[in-house]
Amino acid sequence: MTEDVKVAVAEVELAMERLDLAFDQYVQGLRSSDEDSEVLDRAIKMKAAMRDSGAIYLSWARYYAGFDETPMTD
């Protein structure tokens, strides 16, 4: 795979890590506020869904870019 693809995959991986941290801060803010539990529960599920689906896509992207021998090896 070209170096451009490998660099792009690495950039997406870093962006997903930043997104997960931002969602974590959002959830922590909701926990410390008076927000109702339904909003907090939805935010927690959103954070988990983004983290998990991002990991799946990144696993395949890393595989096709030549970073990993097999997909889904986290």
N, C-alpha and C. Protein backbone atom coordinates (compact mmCIF):
# COMPACT_ATOMS: atom_id res chain seq x y z
N MET A 1 0.85 -1.18 0.00
CA MET A 1 0.00 0.00 0.00
C MET A 1 0.90 1.24 0.00
N THR A 2 0.41 2.31 -0.58
CA THR A 2 1.23 3.52 -0.66
C THR A 2 1.40 4.17 0.71
N GLU A 3 2.46 4.92 0.81
CA GLU A 3 2.73 5.63 2.07
C GLU A 3 1.61 6.62 2.39
N ASP A 4 1.01 7.24 1.36
CA ASP A 4 -0.10 8.18 1.60
C ASP A 4 -1.27 7.50 2.29
N VAL A 5 -1.57 6.28 1.88
CA VAL A 5 -2.67 5.54 2.51
C VAL A 5 -2.32 5.21 3.96
N LYS A 6 -1.10 4.78 4.19
CA LYS A 6 -0.68 4.44 5.55
C LYS A 6 -0.74 5.67 6.46
N VAL A 7 -0.30 6.81 5.95
CA VAL A 7 -0.34 8.05 6.73
C VAL A 7 -1.79 8.44 7.01
N ALA A 8 -2.65 8.33 6.02
CA ALA A 8 -4.06 8.69 6.20
C ALA A 8 -4.72 7.79 7.24
N VAL A 9 -4.44 6.51 7.21
CA VAL A 9 -5.00 5.59 8.21
C VAL A 9 -4.51 5.97 9.60
N ALA A 10 -3.24 6.28 9.73
CA ALA A 10 -2.70 6.69 11.03
C ALA A 10 -3.35 7.98 11.52
N GLU A 11 -3.62 8.91 10.62
CA GLU A 11 -4.29 10.15 11.00
C GLU A 11 -5.72 9.89 11.46
N VAL A 12 -6.42 9.00 10.78
CA VAL A 12 -7.78 8.65 11.20
C VAL A 12 -7.76 7.99 12.57
N GLU A 13 -6.79 7.14 12.79
CA GLU A 13 -6.66 6.47 14.08
C GLU A 13 -6.48 7.51 15.20
N LEU A 14 -5.62 8.49 14.97
CA LEU A 14 -5.42 9.54 15.97
C LEU A 14 -6.69 10.37 16.16
N ALA A 15 -7.38 10.66 15.07
CA ALA A 15 -8.63 11.42 15.17
C ALA A 15 -9.68 10.65 15.96
N MET A 16 -9.76 9.34 15.77
CA MET A 16 -10.72 8.53 16.52
C MET A 16 -10.36 8.51 18.01
N GLU A 17 -9.09 8.50 18.33
CA GLU A 17 -8.67 8.56 19.73
C GLU A 17 -9.09 9.90 20.34
N ARG A 18 -8.89 10.99 19.60
CA ARG A 18 -9.30 12.32 20.09
C ARG A 18 -10.81 12.39 20.25
N LEU A 19 -11.54 11.81 19.31
CA LEU A 19 -13.00 11.80 19.39
C LEU A 19 -13.46 11.03 20.63
N ASP A 20 -12.84 9.89 20.89
CA ASP A 20 -13.21 9.11 22.07
C ASP A 20 -12.94 9.91 23.35
N LEU A 21 -11.82 10.60 23.40
CA LEU A 21 -11.52 11.43 24.57
C LEU A 21 -12.52 12.57 24.72
N ALA A 22 -12.92 13.18 23.60
CA ALA A 22 -13.90 14.26 23.65
C ALA A 22 -15.25 13.74 24.13
N PHE A 23 -15.66 12.58 23.64
CA PHE A 23 -16.92 11.99 24.11
C PHE A 23 -16.82 11.64 25.59
N ASP A 24 -15.66 11.16 26.02
CA ASP A 24 -15.47 10.84 27.43
C ASP A 24 -15.63 12.08 28.30
N GLN A 25 -15.07 13.20 27.86
CA GLN A 25 -15.22 14.45 28.60
C GLN A 25 -16.67 14.90 28.62
N TYR A 26 -17.37 14.70 27.51
CA TYR A 26 -18.79 15.05 27.43
C TYR A 26 -19.59 14.22 28.44
N VAL A 27 -19.34 12.92 28.48
CA VAL A 27 -20.03 12.04 29.42
C VAL A 27 -19.70 12.44 30.86
N GLN A 28 -18.44 12.72 31.14
CA GLN A 28 -18.06 13.14 32.49
C GLN A 28 -18.77 14.44 32.88
N GLY A 29 -18.89 15.35 31.91
CA GLY A 29 -19.62 16.59 32.18
C GLY A 29 -21.08 16.35 32.50
N LEU A 30 -21.69 15.43 31.79
CA LEU A 30 -23.08 15.09 32.07
C LEU A 30 -23.22 14.46 33.45
N ARG A 31 -22.26 13.62 33.82
CA ARG A 31 -22.31 12.98 35.13
C ARG A 31 -22.24 14.01 36.26
N SER A 32 -21.47 15.07 36.06
CA SER A 32 -21.31 16.07 37.12
C SER A 32 -22.37 17.16 37.05
N SER A 33 -23.25 17.11 36.06
CA SER A 33 -24.31 18.11 35.95
C SER A 33 -25.62 17.54 36.47
N ASP A 34 -26.64 18.32 36.35
CA ASP A 34 -27.97 17.87 36.78
C ASP A 34 -28.77 17.29 35.63
N GLU A 35 -28.08 16.89 34.56
CA GLU A 35 -28.76 16.32 33.40
C GLU A 35 -29.48 15.04 33.80
N ASP A 36 -30.63 14.80 33.18
CA ASP A 36 -31.39 13.60 33.56
C ASP A 36 -30.68 12.33 33.09
N SER A 37 -31.00 11.23 33.74
CA SER A 37 -30.28 9.98 33.49
C SER A 37 -30.49 9.45 32.08
N GLU A 38 -31.60 9.80 31.43
CA GLU A 38 -31.83 9.34 30.06
C GLU A 38 -30.80 9.94 29.10
N VAL A 39 -30.50 11.21 29.28
CA VAL A 39 -29.50 11.87 28.43
C VAL A 39 -28.12 11.26 28.69
N LEU A 40 -27.79 11.02 29.94
CA LEU A 40 -26.51 10.41 30.28
C LEU A 40 -26.41 9.00 29.71
N ASP A 41 -27.44 8.21 29.87
CA ASP A 41 -27.44 6.84 29.32
C ASP A 41 -27.24 6.85 27.81
N ARG A 42 -27.93 7.75 27.12
CA ARG A 42 -27.79 7.85 25.66
C ARG A 42 -26.38 8.25 25.28
N ALA A 43 -25.78 9.18 26.01
CA ALA A 43 -24.41 9.63 25.73
C ALA A 43 -23.41 8.49 25.95
N ILE A 44 -23.61 7.71 26.99
CA ILE A 44 -22.71 6.59 27.26
C ILE A 44 -22.79 5.57 26.13
N LYS A 45 -24.00 5.28 25.67
CA LYS A 45 -24.19 4.34 24.56
C LYS A 45 -23.59 4.89 23.27
N MET A 46 -23.75 6.20 23.04
CA MET A 46 -23.19 6.83 21.85
C MET A 46 -21.66 6.71 21.86
N LYS A 47 -21.06 6.98 23.01
CA LYS A 47 -19.59 6.90 23.13
C LYS A 47 -19.12 5.48 22.83
N ALA A 48 -19.78 4.49 23.41
CA ALA A 48 -19.39 3.09 23.20
C ALA A 48 -19.58 2.69 21.74
N ALA A 49 -20.67 3.11 21.13
CA ALA A 49 -20.94 2.76 19.73
C ALA A 49 -19.89 3.36 18.81
N MET A 50 -19.53 4.61 19.03
CA MET A 50 -18.52 5.25 18.19
C MET A 50 -17.16 4.59 18.38
N ARG A 51 -16.81 4.28 19.62
CA ARG A 51 -15.52 3.63 19.89
C ARG A 51 -15.47 2.26 19.22
N ASP A 52 -16.53 1.48 19.40
CA ASP A 52 -16.54 0.11 18.86
C ASP A 52 -16.59 0.09 17.34
N SER A 53 -17.47 0.90 16.74
CA SER A 53 -17.55 0.89 15.28
C SER A 53 -16.29 1.47 14.66
N GLY A 54 -15.72 2.50 15.31
CA GLY A 54 -14.46 3.05 14.82
C GLY A 54 -13.35 2.02 14.86
N ALA A 55 -13.32 1.20 15.92
CA ALA A 55 -12.30 0.16 16.03
C ALA A 55 -12.44 -0.87 14.92
N ILE A 56 -13.67 -1.21 14.58
CA ILE A 56 -13.90 -2.17 13.50
C ILE A 56 -13.38 -1.62 12.18
N TYR A 57 -13.79 -0.40 11.84
CA TYR A 57 -13.36 0.19 10.58
C TYR A 57 -11.85 0.38 10.53
N LEU A 58 -11.26 0.82 11.64
CA LEU A 58 -9.82 1.01 11.67
C LEU A 58 -9.07 -0.31 11.56
N SER A 59 -9.62 -1.35 12.14
CA SER A 59 -8.98 -2.66 12.02
C SER A 59 -8.88 -3.08 10.55
N TRP A 60 -9.97 -2.93 9.82
CA TRP A 60 -9.95 -3.28 8.40
C TRP A 60 -9.06 -2.33 7.60
N ALA A 61 -9.11 -1.04 7.92
CA ALA A 61 -8.27 -0.08 7.21
C ALA A 61 -6.80 -0.39 7.43
N ARG A 62 -6.44 -0.70 8.67
CA ARG A 62 -5.04 -1.06 8.98
C ARG A 62 -4.64 -2.33 8.23
N TYR A 63 -5.55 -3.28 8.17
CA TYR A 63 -5.28 -4.54 7.46
C TYR A 63 -5.01 -4.27 5.98
N TYR A 64 -5.92 -3.52 5.34
CA TYR A 64 -5.77 -3.26 3.91
C TYR A 64 -4.59 -2.35 3.60
N ALA A 65 -4.22 -1.49 4.56
CA ALA A 65 -3.07 -0.61 4.36
C ALA A 65 -1.76 -1.33 4.63
N GLY A 66 -1.84 -2.55 5.16
CA GLY A 66 -0.63 -3.33 5.40
C GLY A 66 -0.03 -3.17 6.77
N PHE A 67 -0.76 -2.58 7.72
CA PHE A 67 -0.26 -2.45 9.08
C PHE A 67 -0.34 -3.76 9.85
N ASP A 68 -1.41 -4.50 9.62
CA ASP A 68 -1.66 -5.72 10.38
C ASP A 68 -1.68 -6.93 9.45
N GLU A 69 -1.32 -8.06 10.00
CA GLU A 69 -1.38 -9.30 9.25
C GLU A 69 -2.82 -9.78 9.09
N THR A 70 -3.61 -9.66 10.16
CA THR A 70 -4.99 -10.10 10.11
C THR A 70 -5.89 -9.02 10.69
N PRO A 71 -7.11 -8.89 10.19
CA PRO A 71 -8.02 -7.89 10.75
C PRO A 71 -8.52 -8.29 12.13
N MET A 72 -8.95 -7.30 12.90
CA MET A 72 -9.58 -7.52 14.19
C MET A 72 -8.67 -8.21 15.19
N THR A 73 -7.43 -7.79 15.28
CA THR A 73 -6.49 -8.43 16.21
C THR A 73 -6.26 -7.63 17.47
N ASP A 74 -7.09 -6.59 17.73
CA ASP A 74 -6.90 -5.79 18.95
C ASP A 74 -6.99 -6.61 20.13
